[in-house]
Amino acid sequence: MNFSTLRNIQGLHAPLKLQMEYRAARQIQRLPFLPSSNLALDTLRGNDESIGFEDILCDPAQSEMMGEPHLMVEYNLGLL
């Protein structure tokens, strides 16, 4: 949706609120060893009702990873 059109129709608060919601949804993540579905971000974008290639055959970047959960968390926190 175009933010300038939204601003003209609903006022200044609407695009600001939507941008804050996008920013908050992008920051939500699971632990490093668990893949994140980003459901909140898909819902805000309107992609939650569509079925795509990655829903059926899975994106290779989101494949299951085997690893030591404690080591992966410590690596992401910069402790290692």
N, C-alpha and C. Protein backbone atom coordinates (compact mmCIF):
# COMPACT_ATOMS: atom_id res chain seq x y z
N MET A 1 0.85 -1.17 0.00
CA MET A 1 0.00 0.00 0.00
C MET A 1 0.90 1.24 0.00
N ASN A 2 0.53 2.21 -0.72
CA ASN A 2 1.31 3.43 -0.81
C ASN A 2 1.07 4.28 0.44
N PHE A 3 2.17 4.64 1.10
CA PHE A 3 2.05 5.39 2.36
C PHE A 3 1.48 6.79 2.15
N SER A 4 1.76 7.43 1.03
CA SER A 4 1.21 8.78 0.81
C SER A 4 -0.29 8.72 0.60
N THR A 5 -0.80 7.70 -0.08
CA THR A 5 -2.24 7.54 -0.25
C THR A 5 -2.90 7.26 1.10
N LEU A 6 -2.28 6.42 1.87
CA LEU A 6 -2.80 6.10 3.20
C LEU A 6 -2.82 7.35 4.08
N ARG A 7 -1.80 8.18 3.95
CA ARG A 7 -1.75 9.41 4.75
C ARG A 7 -2.87 10.37 4.33
N ASN A 8 -3.13 10.47 3.03
CA ASN A 8 -4.19 11.37 2.57
C ASN A 8 -5.57 10.88 2.97
N ILE A 9 -5.76 9.58 3.04
CA ILE A 9 -7.07 9.04 3.37
C ILE A 9 -7.31 9.01 4.87
N GLN A 10 -6.34 8.51 5.65
CA GLN A 10 -6.57 8.28 7.07
C GLN A 10 -5.82 9.23 7.99
N GLY A 11 -4.93 10.01 7.46
CA GLY A 11 -4.19 10.94 8.29
C GLY A 11 -2.76 10.49 8.54
N LEU A 12 -2.01 11.31 9.26
CA LEU A 12 -0.59 11.07 9.48
C LEU A 12 -0.32 9.85 10.35
N HIS A 13 -1.22 9.54 11.29
CA HIS A 13 -0.97 8.45 12.22
C HIS A 13 -0.96 7.08 11.55
N ALA A 14 -1.71 6.87 10.48
CA ALA A 14 -1.84 5.54 9.86
C ALA A 14 -0.53 5.02 9.29
N PRO A 15 0.18 5.79 8.43
CA PRO A 15 1.45 5.25 7.93
C PRO A 15 2.52 5.11 9.01
N LEU A 16 2.51 6.00 10.00
CA LEU A 16 3.48 5.89 11.09
C LEU A 16 3.24 4.63 11.91
N LYS A 17 1.97 4.34 12.20
CA LYS A 17 1.64 3.14 12.95
C LYS A 17 2.02 1.89 12.16
N LEU A 18 1.76 1.88 10.86
CA LEU A 18 2.09 0.72 10.03
C LEU A 18 3.60 0.51 9.95
N GLN A 19 4.36 1.57 9.84
CA GLN A 19 5.82 1.44 9.82
C GLN A 19 6.35 0.93 11.15
N MET A 20 5.77 1.37 12.26
CA MET A 20 6.20 0.87 13.57
C MET A 20 5.87 -0.61 13.72
N GLU A 21 4.73 -1.03 13.20
CA GLU A 21 4.36 -2.45 13.27
C GLU A 21 5.30 -3.30 12.42
N TYR A 22 5.67 -2.82 11.22
CA TYR A 22 6.63 -3.54 10.37
C TYR A 22 7.97 -3.69 11.09
N ARG A 23 8.44 -2.61 11.68
CA ARG A 23 9.73 -2.63 12.36
C ARG A 23 9.71 -3.61 13.54
N ALA A 24 8.63 -3.61 14.30
CA ALA A 24 8.51 -4.53 15.43
C ALA A 24 8.41 -5.98 14.95
N ALA A 25 7.70 -6.23 13.85
CA ALA A 25 7.55 -7.59 13.34
C ALA A 25 8.86 -8.12 12.78
N ARG A 26 9.69 -7.25 12.21
CA ARG A 26 11.00 -7.69 11.69
C ARG A 26 11.96 -8.08 12.81
N GLN A 27 11.78 -7.52 14.00
CA GLN A 27 12.69 -7.80 15.11
C GLN A 27 12.34 -9.09 15.85
N ILE A 28 11.15 -9.62 15.64
CA ILE A 28 10.74 -10.85 16.32
C ILE A 28 11.43 -12.02 15.65
N GLN A 29 12.20 -12.78 16.41
CA GLN A 29 12.89 -13.94 15.88
C GLN A 29 12.95 -15.02 16.94
N ARG A 30 13.11 -16.25 16.48
CA ARG A 30 13.28 -17.36 17.38
C ARG A 30 14.75 -17.52 17.71
N LEU A 31 15.05 -18.53 18.50
CA LEU A 31 16.45 -18.83 18.79
C LEU A 31 17.17 -19.22 17.50
N PRO A 32 18.48 -19.06 17.44
CA PRO A 32 19.22 -19.28 16.18
C PRO A 32 19.09 -20.68 15.60
N PHE A 33 18.87 -21.68 16.41
CA PHE A 33 18.80 -23.04 15.89
C PHE A 33 17.38 -23.42 15.46
N LEU A 34 16.40 -22.52 15.61
CA LEU A 34 15.03 -22.75 15.17
C LEU A 34 14.70 -21.81 14.02
N PRO A 35 14.16 -22.33 12.92
CA PRO A 35 13.80 -21.45 11.81
C PRO A 35 12.58 -20.59 12.17
N SER A 36 12.57 -19.37 11.73
CA SER A 36 11.48 -18.45 12.01
C SER A 36 10.54 -18.38 10.81
N SER A 37 9.25 -18.42 11.05
CA SER A 37 8.27 -18.39 9.97
C SER A 37 7.91 -16.96 9.57
N ASN A 38 8.20 -15.98 10.41
CA ASN A 38 7.86 -14.58 10.14
C ASN A 38 6.38 -14.40 9.85
N LEU A 39 5.55 -15.07 10.61
CA LEU A 39 4.10 -15.03 10.40
C LEU A 39 3.53 -13.63 10.59
N ALA A 40 4.02 -12.90 11.59
CA ALA A 40 3.51 -11.55 11.83
C ALA A 40 3.82 -10.63 10.66
N LEU A 41 5.00 -10.74 10.09
CA LEU A 41 5.37 -9.91 8.95
C LEU A 41 4.55 -10.28 7.72
N ASP A 42 4.33 -11.57 7.49
CA ASP A 42 3.49 -12.00 6.37
C ASP A 42 2.06 -11.50 6.52
N THR A 43 1.55 -11.49 7.74
CA THR A 43 0.20 -11.01 7.98
C THR A 43 0.09 -9.52 7.70
N LEU A 44 1.08 -8.74 8.11
CA LEU A 44 1.05 -7.30 7.85
C LEU A 44 1.16 -6.99 6.36
N ARG A 45 1.91 -7.79 5.63
CA ARG A 45 2.06 -7.59 4.18
C ARG A 45 0.90 -8.15 3.37
N GLY A 46 0.07 -8.99 4.00
CA GLY A 46 -1.05 -9.59 3.28
C GLY A 46 -0.69 -10.88 2.57
N ASN A 47 0.45 -11.47 2.91
CA ASN A 47 0.90 -12.71 2.27
C ASN A 47 0.49 -13.95 3.04
N ASP A 48 -0.32 -13.80 4.07
CA ASP A 48 -0.65 -14.95 4.91
C ASP A 48 -1.69 -15.88 4.27
N GLU A 49 -2.41 -15.41 3.26
CA GLU A 49 -3.44 -16.24 2.64
C GLU A 49 -3.02 -16.81 1.30
N SER A 50 -1.80 -16.57 0.88
CA SER A 50 -1.34 -17.09 -0.41
C SER A 50 -0.37 -18.25 -0.19
N ILE A 51 -0.39 -19.19 -1.12
CA ILE A 51 0.49 -20.35 -1.06
C ILE A 51 1.51 -20.20 -2.18
N GLY A 52 2.78 -20.23 -1.82
CA GLY A 52 3.85 -20.07 -2.79
C GLY A 52 4.75 -21.28 -2.86
N PHE A 53 5.79 -21.16 -3.66
CA PHE A 53 6.76 -22.24 -3.86
C PHE A 53 7.41 -22.65 -2.55
N GLU A 54 7.81 -21.67 -1.74
CA GLU A 54 8.50 -21.97 -0.49
C GLU A 54 7.59 -22.63 0.53
N ASP A 55 6.26 -22.49 0.39
CA ASP A 55 5.35 -23.16 1.31
C ASP A 55 5.26 -24.65 1.03
N ILE A 56 5.40 -25.03 -0.23
CA ILE A 56 5.27 -26.43 -0.62
C ILE A 56 6.61 -27.15 -0.54
N LEU A 57 7.63 -26.61 -1.19
CA LEU A 57 8.91 -27.30 -1.29
C LEU A 57 9.96 -26.77 -0.33
N CYS A 58 9.64 -25.76 0.44
CA CYS A 58 10.52 -25.19 1.46
C CYS A 58 11.74 -24.50 0.84
N ASP A 59 12.03 -23.35 1.35
CA ASP A 59 13.19 -22.57 0.93
C ASP A 59 14.45 -23.25 1.49
N PRO A 60 15.47 -23.49 0.65
CA PRO A 60 16.69 -24.14 1.16
C PRO A 60 17.36 -23.37 2.29
N ALA A 61 17.18 -22.06 2.32
CA ALA A 61 17.77 -21.26 3.40
C ALA A 61 17.09 -21.53 4.74
N GLN A 62 15.86 -22.06 4.69
CA GLN A 62 15.13 -22.33 5.92
C GLN A 62 15.10 -23.82 6.25
N SER A 63 15.99 -24.58 5.70
CA SER A 63 16.00 -26.01 5.96
C SER A 63 16.40 -26.29 7.41
N GLU A 64 16.09 -27.48 7.86
CA GLU A 64 16.40 -27.83 9.23
C GLU A 64 17.90 -27.91 9.43
N MET A 65 18.35 -27.40 10.56
CA MET A 65 19.77 -27.42 10.88
C MET A 65 19.98 -28.27 12.11
N MET A 66 20.99 -29.07 12.07
CA MET A 66 21.36 -29.83 13.26
C MET A 66 22.58 -29.14 13.87
N GLY A 67 22.55 -28.96 15.13
CA GLY A 67 23.67 -28.31 15.79
C GLY A 67 23.43 -28.25 17.28
N GLU A 68 24.43 -27.83 17.97
CA GLU A 68 24.34 -27.69 19.42
C GLU A 68 23.68 -26.35 19.73
N PRO A 69 22.48 -26.36 20.32
CA PRO A 69 21.76 -25.11 20.56
C PRO A 69 22.54 -24.11 21.41
N HIS A 70 23.23 -24.58 22.44
CA HIS A 70 23.97 -23.66 23.31
C HIS A 70 25.10 -22.97 22.56
N LEU A 71 25.80 -23.70 21.72
CA LEU A 71 26.89 -23.10 20.94
C LEU A 71 26.36 -22.08 19.94
N MET A 72 25.24 -22.38 19.32
CA MET A 72 24.69 -21.46 18.32
C MET A 72 24.22 -20.16 18.96
N VAL A 73 23.61 -20.24 20.13
CA VAL A 73 23.16 -19.03 20.83
C VAL A 73 24.35 -18.21 21.30
N GLU A 74 25.36 -18.88 21.85
CA GLU A 74 26.55 -18.16 22.30
C GLU A 74 27.27 -17.50 21.13
N TYR A 75 27.29 -18.15 19.97
CA TYR A 75 27.93 -17.56 18.79
C TYR A 75 27.18 -16.30 18.34
N ASN A 76 25.84 -16.35 18.33
CA ASN A 76 25.07 -15.19 17.92
C ASN A 76 25.15 -14.05 18.92
N LEU A 77 25.36 -14.36 20.18
CA LEU A 77 25.51 -13.30 21.19
C LEU A 77 26.92 -12.75 21.25
N GLY A 78 27.84 -13.37 20.51
CA GLY A 78 29.21 -12.90 20.48
C GLY A 78 30.05 -13.37 21.65
N LEU A 79 29.62 -14.44 22.31
CA LEU A 79 30.37 -14.94 23.45
C LEU A 79 31.51 -15.88 23.03
N LEU A 80 31.45 -16.39 21.82
CA LEU A 80 32.50 -17.29 21.33
C LEU A 80 33.43 -16.57 20.38
